[in-house]
Amino acid sequence: MDEENIGEAIAKMGITFPEITAEHAVGIMPVEGNTQPFGILHGGAAALLAETVASFAAYKWAQRSGKSAVGAHLDITHIKPGLSGNIVCTVDAIHLGRRTAVYSFQNVSEDSGKIISAGVMSCAIVDHPEQ
């Protein structure tokens, strides 16, 4: 996996990655095109953003030992609606181990500066999947 081959869902949702390290990562996603029928950011889109950014950070960690990373658990609390502009997801490592990488995250609206959702994402460190 690299930033050039990010996958169809990530590309369709317009997610970009201004910063990715094993310890800290940032992803940005537009609200437009990722809304539910009431015109606000879809909760699943906010979850996908958080899982994606944390998974990319975990992959950077796993690469150090020749491994890969896959999502294992996502816990997200939706706090406020995302109404317009971009959502910025920031993830920070809580634990970087041999078998797991755990991150806390916040999704923040660029327009209001308010946290729209927050939570924790755990990734399993695994052998590279067969392709």
N, C-alpha and C. Protein backbone atom coordinates (compact mmCIF):
# COMPACT_ATOMS: atom_id res chain seq x y z
N MET A 1 0.85 -1.17 0.00
CA MET A 1 0.00 0.00 0.00
C MET A 1 0.90 1.23 0.00
N ASP A 2 0.53 2.18 -0.80
CA ASP A 2 1.21 3.47 -0.79
C ASP A 2 0.18 4.55 -1.07
N GLU A 3 0.60 5.80 -0.91
CA GLU A 3 -0.35 6.91 -1.08
C GLU A 3 -0.87 7.02 -2.52
N GLU A 4 -0.17 6.41 -3.47
CA GLU A 4 -0.60 6.46 -4.87
C GLU A 4 -1.69 5.43 -5.16
N ASN A 5 -1.70 4.34 -4.40
CA ASN A 5 -2.66 3.26 -4.59
C ASN A 5 -3.52 3.17 -3.34
N ILE A 6 -4.44 4.12 -3.18
CA ILE A 6 -5.16 4.23 -1.92
C ILE A 6 -6.46 3.43 -1.87
N GLY A 7 -6.92 2.94 -2.97
CA GLY A 7 -8.16 2.18 -2.98
C GLY A 7 -9.34 3.00 -3.46
N GLU A 8 -10.31 2.31 -4.01
CA GLU A 8 -11.45 2.98 -4.64
C GLU A 8 -12.31 3.78 -3.66
N ALA A 9 -12.63 3.22 -2.49
CA ALA A 9 -13.51 3.93 -1.55
C ALA A 9 -12.87 5.23 -1.10
N ILE A 10 -11.59 5.18 -0.81
CA ILE A 10 -10.88 6.36 -0.33
C ILE A 10 -10.85 7.43 -1.42
N ALA A 11 -10.58 7.02 -2.64
CA ALA A 11 -10.56 7.96 -3.76
C ALA A 11 -11.95 8.55 -4.00
N LYS A 12 -12.98 7.72 -3.98
CA LYS A 12 -14.35 8.20 -4.21
C LYS A 12 -14.80 9.20 -3.16
N MET A 13 -14.32 9.04 -1.94
CA MET A 13 -14.73 9.93 -0.86
C MET A 13 -13.87 11.19 -0.79
N GLY A 14 -12.85 11.25 -1.62
CA GLY A 14 -12.03 12.46 -1.71
C GLY A 14 -11.07 12.66 -0.55
N ILE A 15 -10.64 11.57 0.08
CA ILE A 15 -9.73 11.67 1.22
C ILE A 15 -8.30 11.91 0.74
N THR A 16 -7.65 12.88 1.37
CA THR A 16 -6.23 13.16 1.11
C THR A 16 -5.46 13.07 2.42
N PHE A 17 -4.15 12.91 2.31
CA PHE A 17 -3.30 12.66 3.47
C PHE A 17 -2.14 13.65 3.51
N PRO A 18 -2.29 14.79 4.19
CA PRO A 18 -1.18 15.73 4.27
C PRO A 18 -0.03 15.23 5.14
N GLU A 19 -0.31 14.30 6.06
CA GLU A 19 0.74 13.82 6.95
C GLU A 19 0.44 12.39 7.37
N ILE A 20 1.42 11.49 7.22
CA ILE A 20 1.27 10.11 7.69
C ILE A 20 2.60 9.63 8.25
N THR A 21 2.63 9.39 9.56
CA THR A 21 3.73 8.68 10.20
C THR A 21 3.08 7.61 11.07
N ALA A 22 3.88 6.72 11.60
CA ALA A 22 3.34 5.68 12.48
C ALA A 22 2.76 6.27 13.76
N GLU A 23 3.31 7.38 14.20
CA GLU A 23 2.90 7.97 15.47
C GLU A 23 1.76 8.98 15.34
N HIS A 24 1.63 9.61 14.16
CA HIS A 24 0.67 10.69 13.98
C HIS A 24 0.30 10.78 12.50
N ALA A 25 -0.97 10.96 12.23
CA ALA A 25 -1.40 11.10 10.83
C ALA A 25 -2.59 12.04 10.74
N VAL A 26 -2.73 12.64 9.56
CA VAL A 26 -3.82 13.57 9.29
C VAL A 26 -4.44 13.22 7.95
N GLY A 27 -5.75 13.18 7.90
CA GLY A 27 -6.49 12.98 6.66
C GLY A 27 -7.58 14.03 6.54
N ILE A 28 -7.89 14.41 5.31
CA ILE A 28 -8.92 15.43 5.07
C ILE A 28 -9.94 14.89 4.09
N MET A 29 -11.22 15.13 4.37
CA MET A 29 -12.30 14.65 3.51
C MET A 29 -13.36 15.74 3.38
N PRO A 30 -13.87 15.97 2.17
CA PRO A 30 -14.94 16.96 2.02
C PRO A 30 -16.27 16.41 2.55
N VAL A 31 -17.07 17.31 3.10
CA VAL A 31 -18.43 16.93 3.49
C VAL A 31 -19.25 16.68 2.22
N GLU A 32 -19.11 17.58 1.24
CA GLU A 32 -19.86 17.44 -0.01
C GLU A 32 -19.56 16.10 -0.67
N GLY A 33 -20.61 15.40 -1.04
CA GLY A 33 -20.48 14.09 -1.65
C GLY A 33 -20.45 12.94 -0.65
N ASN A 34 -20.39 13.28 0.64
CA ASN A 34 -20.33 12.26 1.70
C ASN A 34 -21.42 12.49 2.75
N THR A 35 -22.59 12.92 2.28
CA THR A 35 -23.69 13.25 3.19
C THR A 35 -24.76 12.18 3.20
N GLN A 36 -25.57 12.24 4.24
CA GLN A 36 -26.76 11.38 4.32
C GLN A 36 -27.95 12.19 3.80
N PRO A 37 -29.14 11.61 3.74
CA PRO A 37 -30.27 12.30 3.10
C PRO A 37 -30.65 13.67 3.68
N PHE A 38 -30.25 13.97 4.91
CA PHE A 38 -30.57 15.26 5.51
C PHE A 38 -29.53 16.33 5.20
N GLY A 39 -28.52 15.98 4.39
CA GLY A 39 -27.53 16.95 3.95
C GLY A 39 -26.36 17.16 4.89
N ILE A 40 -26.26 16.36 5.95
CA ILE A 40 -25.11 16.46 6.85
C ILE A 40 -24.18 15.27 6.62
N LEU A 41 -22.95 15.40 7.10
CA LEU A 41 -21.98 14.33 6.91
C LEU A 41 -22.52 13.01 7.43
N HIS A 42 -22.43 11.99 6.62
CA HIS A 42 -22.88 10.65 7.00
C HIS A 42 -21.95 10.11 8.09
N GLY A 43 -22.54 9.55 9.14
CA GLY A 43 -21.73 8.98 10.23
C GLY A 43 -20.79 7.90 9.76
N GLY A 44 -21.24 7.12 8.78
CA GLY A 44 -20.37 6.08 8.22
C GLY A 44 -19.17 6.66 7.49
N ALA A 45 -19.38 7.83 6.86
CA ALA A 45 -18.26 8.50 6.18
C ALA A 45 -17.24 8.99 7.20
N ALA A 46 -17.72 9.54 8.32
CA ALA A 46 -16.82 9.98 9.39
C ALA A 46 -16.04 8.79 9.95
N ALA A 47 -16.71 7.65 10.09
CA ALA A 47 -16.04 6.44 10.57
C ALA A 47 -15.02 5.93 9.56
N LEU A 48 -15.38 5.96 8.29
CA LEU A 48 -14.45 5.52 7.25
C LEU A 48 -13.21 6.41 7.23
N LEU A 49 -13.39 7.71 7.40
CA LEU A 49 -12.25 8.63 7.45
C LEU A 49 -11.32 8.25 8.60
N ALA A 50 -11.88 8.08 9.79
CA ALA A 50 -11.06 7.75 10.95
C ALA A 50 -10.35 6.41 10.78
N GLU A 51 -11.07 5.39 10.33
CA GLU A 51 -10.45 4.08 10.16
C GLU A 51 -9.35 4.12 9.10
N THR A 52 -9.58 4.86 8.05
CA THR A 52 -8.59 4.96 6.98
C THR A 52 -7.31 5.63 7.46
N VAL A 53 -7.44 6.76 8.13
CA VAL A 53 -6.25 7.49 8.58
C VAL A 53 -5.47 6.67 9.60
N ALA A 54 -6.18 6.07 10.56
CA ALA A 54 -5.50 5.23 11.56
C ALA A 54 -4.86 4.01 10.91
N SER A 55 -5.52 3.41 9.94
CA SER A 55 -4.96 2.23 9.27
C SER A 55 -3.71 2.57 8.48
N PHE A 56 -3.68 3.74 7.85
CA PHE A 56 -2.48 4.15 7.13
C PHE A 56 -1.32 4.37 8.10
N ALA A 57 -1.60 4.96 9.26
CA ALA A 57 -0.56 5.14 10.28
C ALA A 57 -0.07 3.78 10.78
N ALA A 58 -1.01 2.86 11.05
CA ALA A 58 -0.64 1.52 11.52
C ALA A 58 0.19 0.78 10.48
N TYR A 59 -0.14 0.98 9.22
CA TYR A 59 0.64 0.35 8.15
C TYR A 59 2.08 0.86 8.17
N LYS A 60 2.26 2.16 8.40
CA LYS A 60 3.62 2.71 8.51
C LYS A 60 4.38 2.03 9.66
N TRP A 61 3.68 1.79 10.77
CA TRP A 61 4.28 1.10 11.90
C TRP A 61 4.63 -0.35 11.53
N ALA A 62 3.69 -1.05 10.92
CA ALA A 62 3.88 -2.46 10.58
C ALA A 62 5.01 -2.66 9.57
N GLN A 63 5.18 -1.72 8.66
CA GLN A 63 6.24 -1.82 7.65
C GLN A 63 7.61 -1.97 8.28
N ARG A 64 7.81 -1.40 9.45
CA ARG A 64 9.11 -1.44 10.12
C ARG A 64 9.56 -2.87 10.42
N SER A 65 8.58 -3.78 10.56
CA SER A 65 8.92 -5.18 10.83
C SER A 65 8.50 -6.09 9.67
N GLY A 66 8.30 -5.52 8.48
CA GLY A 66 7.95 -6.32 7.31
C GLY A 66 6.54 -6.86 7.34
N LYS A 67 5.67 -6.23 8.08
CA LYS A 67 4.29 -6.69 8.23
C LYS A 67 3.32 -5.72 7.57
N SER A 68 2.02 -6.01 7.73
CA SER A 68 0.96 -5.15 7.25
C SER A 68 0.02 -4.86 8.42
N ALA A 69 -1.00 -4.06 8.19
CA ALA A 69 -1.96 -3.74 9.24
C ALA A 69 -3.37 -3.80 8.69
N VAL A 70 -4.29 -4.28 9.51
CA VAL A 70 -5.71 -4.31 9.15
C VAL A 70 -6.53 -3.80 10.33
N GLY A 71 -7.65 -3.18 10.03
CA GLY A 71 -8.53 -2.69 11.08
C GLY A 71 -9.08 -3.84 11.90
N ALA A 72 -9.11 -3.67 13.22
CA ALA A 72 -9.64 -4.71 14.11
C ALA A 72 -10.85 -4.21 14.90
N HIS A 73 -10.82 -2.94 15.32
CA HIS A 73 -11.93 -2.42 16.13
C HIS A 73 -11.99 -0.91 15.98
N LEU A 74 -13.19 -0.39 15.80
CA LEU A 74 -13.41 1.05 15.71
C LEU A 74 -14.50 1.43 16.70
N ASP A 75 -14.21 2.42 17.54
CA ASP A 75 -15.18 2.95 18.49
C ASP A 75 -15.28 4.44 18.22
N ILE A 76 -16.44 4.89 17.74
CA ILE A 76 -16.60 6.29 17.36
C ILE A 76 -17.86 6.85 18.01
N THR A 77 -17.74 8.07 18.52
CA THR A 77 -18.88 8.80 19.07
C THR A 77 -19.10 10.04 18.21
N HIS A 78 -20.29 10.18 17.69
CA HIS A 78 -20.65 11.35 16.88
C HIS A 78 -21.14 12.43 17.84
N ILE A 79 -20.54 13.62 17.75
CA ILE A 79 -20.81 14.68 18.71
C ILE A 79 -21.63 15.82 18.09
N LYS A 80 -21.24 16.28 16.93
CA LYS A 80 -21.92 17.38 16.24
C LYS A 80 -22.02 17.02 14.76
N PRO A 81 -22.94 17.64 14.03
CA PRO A 81 -23.02 17.36 12.59
C PRO A 81 -21.92 18.06 11.81
N GLY A 82 -21.45 17.40 10.78
CA GLY A 82 -20.57 18.04 9.80
C GLY A 82 -21.46 18.64 8.73
N LEU A 83 -21.40 19.95 8.56
CA LEU A 83 -22.35 20.61 7.67
C LEU A 83 -21.78 21.01 6.32
N SER A 84 -20.53 21.42 6.26
CA SER A 84 -19.95 21.88 5.00
C SER A 84 -18.43 21.89 5.11
N GLY A 85 -17.80 22.20 3.99
CA GLY A 85 -16.34 22.30 3.99
C GLY A 85 -15.67 20.95 4.10
N ASN A 86 -14.57 20.91 4.80
CA ASN A 86 -13.79 19.69 4.98
C ASN A 86 -13.80 19.23 6.42
N ILE A 87 -13.61 17.94 6.59
CA ILE A 87 -13.42 17.34 7.90
C ILE A 87 -11.96 16.92 7.98
N VAL A 88 -11.29 17.32 9.05
CA VAL A 88 -9.89 16.98 9.26
C VAL A 88 -9.83 15.93 10.37
N CYS A 89 -9.27 14.78 10.05
CA CYS A 89 -9.11 13.71 11.02
C CYS A 89 -7.64 13.66 11.46
N THR A 90 -7.44 13.74 12.76
CA THR A 90 -6.09 13.64 13.32
C THR A 90 -6.05 12.40 14.20
N VAL A 91 -5.05 11.54 13.97
CA VAL A 91 -4.89 10.34 14.79
C VAL A 91 -3.53 10.38 15.47
N ASP A 92 -3.51 9.90 16.70
CA ASP A 92 -2.28 9.83 17.47
C ASP A 92 -2.16 8.46 18.10
N ALA A 93 -0.96 7.88 18.03
CA ALA A 93 -0.72 6.55 18.59
C ALA A 93 -0.87 6.56 20.10
N ILE A 94 -1.58 5.55 20.59
CA ILE A 94 -1.68 5.28 22.02
C ILE A 94 -0.77 4.11 22.37
N HIS A 95 -0.71 3.14 21.45
CA HIS A 95 0.09 1.93 21.67
C HIS A 95 0.60 1.44 20.32
N LEU A 96 1.89 1.18 20.24
CA LEU A 96 2.50 0.60 19.04
C LEU A 96 3.24 -0.65 19.47
N GLY A 97 2.63 -1.80 19.17
CA GLY A 97 3.20 -3.07 19.62
C GLY A 97 3.48 -4.02 18.48
N ARG A 98 3.88 -5.24 18.83
CA ARG A 98 4.17 -6.25 17.82
C ARG A 98 2.93 -6.77 17.12
N ARG A 99 1.81 -6.84 17.84
CA ARG A 99 0.58 -7.40 17.27
C ARG A 99 -0.55 -6.40 17.10
N THR A 100 -0.46 -5.26 17.77
CA THR A 100 -1.52 -4.27 17.65
C THR A 100 -0.94 -2.85 17.62
N ALA A 101 -1.70 -1.98 16.98
CA ALA A 101 -1.43 -0.54 17.01
C ALA A 101 -2.77 0.12 17.34
N VAL A 102 -2.78 1.01 18.32
CA VAL A 102 -4.02 1.62 18.78
C VAL A 102 -3.87 3.14 18.68
N TYR A 103 -4.90 3.79 18.16
CA TYR A 103 -4.88 5.23 17.92
C TYR A 103 -6.12 5.89 18.48
N SER A 104 -5.95 7.09 19.04
CA SER A 104 -7.08 7.95 19.34
C SER A 104 -7.25 8.89 18.15
N PHE A 105 -8.48 9.34 17.92
CA PHE A 105 -8.70 10.25 16.79
C PHE A 105 -9.76 11.27 17.12
N GLN A 106 -9.69 12.37 16.37
CA GLN A 106 -10.72 13.40 16.38
C GLN A 106 -10.98 13.82 14.95
N ASN A 107 -12.26 13.91 14.60
CA ASN A 107 -12.68 14.49 13.33
C ASN A 107 -13.17 15.90 13.64
N VAL A 108 -12.55 16.89 13.01
CA VAL A 108 -12.86 18.28 13.30
C VAL A 108 -13.33 18.98 12.02
N SER A 109 -14.40 19.77 12.13
CA SER A 109 -14.89 20.56 11.01
C SER A 109 -13.97 21.76 10.80
N GLU A 110 -13.43 21.89 9.58
CA GLU A 110 -12.59 23.05 9.28
C GLU A 110 -13.39 24.34 9.37
N ASP A 111 -14.66 24.30 8.99
CA ASP A 111 -15.50 25.50 9.00
C ASP A 111 -15.74 26.05 10.41
N SER A 112 -16.09 25.17 11.36
CA SER A 112 -16.43 25.62 12.71
C SER A 112 -15.31 25.43 13.71
N GLY A 113 -14.36 24.55 13.39
CA GLY A 113 -13.30 24.24 14.35
C GLY A 113 -13.76 23.31 15.46
N LYS A 114 -14.99 22.81 15.35
CA LYS A 114 -15.56 21.96 16.40
C LYS A 114 -15.33 20.48 16.10
N ILE A 115 -15.18 19.71 17.16
CA ILE A 115 -15.04 18.26 17.03
C ILE A 115 -16.40 17.70 16.66
N ILE A 116 -16.46 16.96 15.54
CA ILE A 116 -17.73 16.35 15.15
C ILE A 116 -17.82 14.89 15.59
N SER A 117 -16.66 14.24 15.75
CA SER A 117 -16.65 12.88 16.27
C SER A 117 -15.26 12.58 16.81
N ALA A 118 -15.21 11.58 17.69
CA ALA A 118 -13.94 11.18 18.31
C ALA A 118 -14.02 9.72 18.69
N GLY A 119 -12.86 9.11 18.89
CA GLY A 119 -12.88 7.71 19.29
C GLY A 119 -11.51 7.08 19.28
N VAL A 120 -11.55 5.75 19.19
CA VAL A 120 -10.34 4.93 19.22
C VAL A 120 -10.42 3.90 18.09
N MET A 121 -9.29 3.66 17.45
CA MET A 121 -9.19 2.65 16.39
C MET A 121 -8.04 1.71 16.71
N SER A 122 -8.31 0.42 16.66
CA SER A 122 -7.28 -0.60 16.86
C SER A 122 -7.02 -1.33 15.56
N CYS A 123 -5.76 -1.58 15.28
CA CYS A 123 -5.37 -2.33 14.09
C CYS A 123 -4.55 -3.55 14.52
N ALA A 124 -4.75 -4.63 13.81
CA ALA A 124 -3.93 -5.83 14.02
C ALA A 124 -2.73 -5.76 13.08
N ILE A 125 -1.57 -6.11 13.60
CA ILE A 125 -0.36 -6.19 12.79
C ILE A 125 -0.26 -7.64 12.30
N VAL A 126 -0.27 -7.81 11.00
CA VAL A 126 -0.38 -9.16 10.39
C VAL A 126 0.65 -9.31 9.27
N ASP A 127 0.84 -10.58 8.85
CA ASP A 127 1.63 -10.83 7.65
C ASP A 127 0.92 -10.20 6.47
N HIS A 128 1.68 -9.84 5.44
CA HIS A 128 1.07 -9.25 4.24
C HIS A 128 0.05 -10.23 3.66
N PRO A 129 -1.16 -9.73 3.34
CA PRO A 129 -2.18 -10.62 2.76
C PRO A 129 -1.76 -11.09 1.37
N GLU A 130 -2.22 -12.29 1.04
CA GLU A 130 -1.98 -12.83 -0.32
C GLU A 130 -2.79 -12.00 -1.31
N GLN A 131 -2.20 -11.73 -2.46
CA GLN A 131 -2.91 -10.94 -3.46
C GLN A 131 -3.10 -11.71 -4.73
